[in-house]
C-alpha cells in the first residue's frame, strides 16, 4: 500500500464514480452524505479521509464516463439551488489546475478482455491506468480484478479498515 500511496502522490489518483460522488456531495454539504442514495454507507469522516487522500495526490483524474455518471447520480434527490450548487462544485473540481481528464477510445474499451464483465466505465478506468495513475475505488469486484491483472489499485474500504485498526 505504501508504494501505491507514493505513486499516487507523484503521478495522481484516478477516482471511481462513488468516491467522486462522495467528494462532490461532501463539498456541497457534508450533512447530505448520510441521506444521499449512493452514499448511505459513508459518513462525514469518510469524506474527510477522502479529502485527505486527495490533498496528498499530485493530480485528481477522471474519465468522461465517470464524470457523466457522477453528474447524473450526485444530484439524486436534490432540486433547485442544491442541484445547481452540486453542478457548480463539480465544475470547480474539474476546473482546478490539479484536475486532469483522460479519455480512452471506445474501441479500446470494448476490446478489453474484461469489458463484458465490467462495462464501459470500469474498463475505461483500467485503460486510463496506462498513464501511470493509481485507481482509488470502493468496488471490491473491480479492485480484485484490477489487482489480478497487475493494475495499480487501492480499495478505499481497505484504507478505512486499516485506519480503524489503529483507532
Foldseek 3Di string as FASTA:
>chain_A
DVVQLVLQLVQNEEEAQLLVLLQLLVVLPQVCQCVQPSRVVDHNVLNVVSVVSRVSGQAYEYEPVSLVSSLVRSCVPHDDPSNVSSVVSSVVNCPDPRYDYDYDDPVVQCPDPCCVPPNDRLSRSLVVCVSRHEYEEQDPVSVVVCVVVPGHYDHSVVVVVVVVVVD
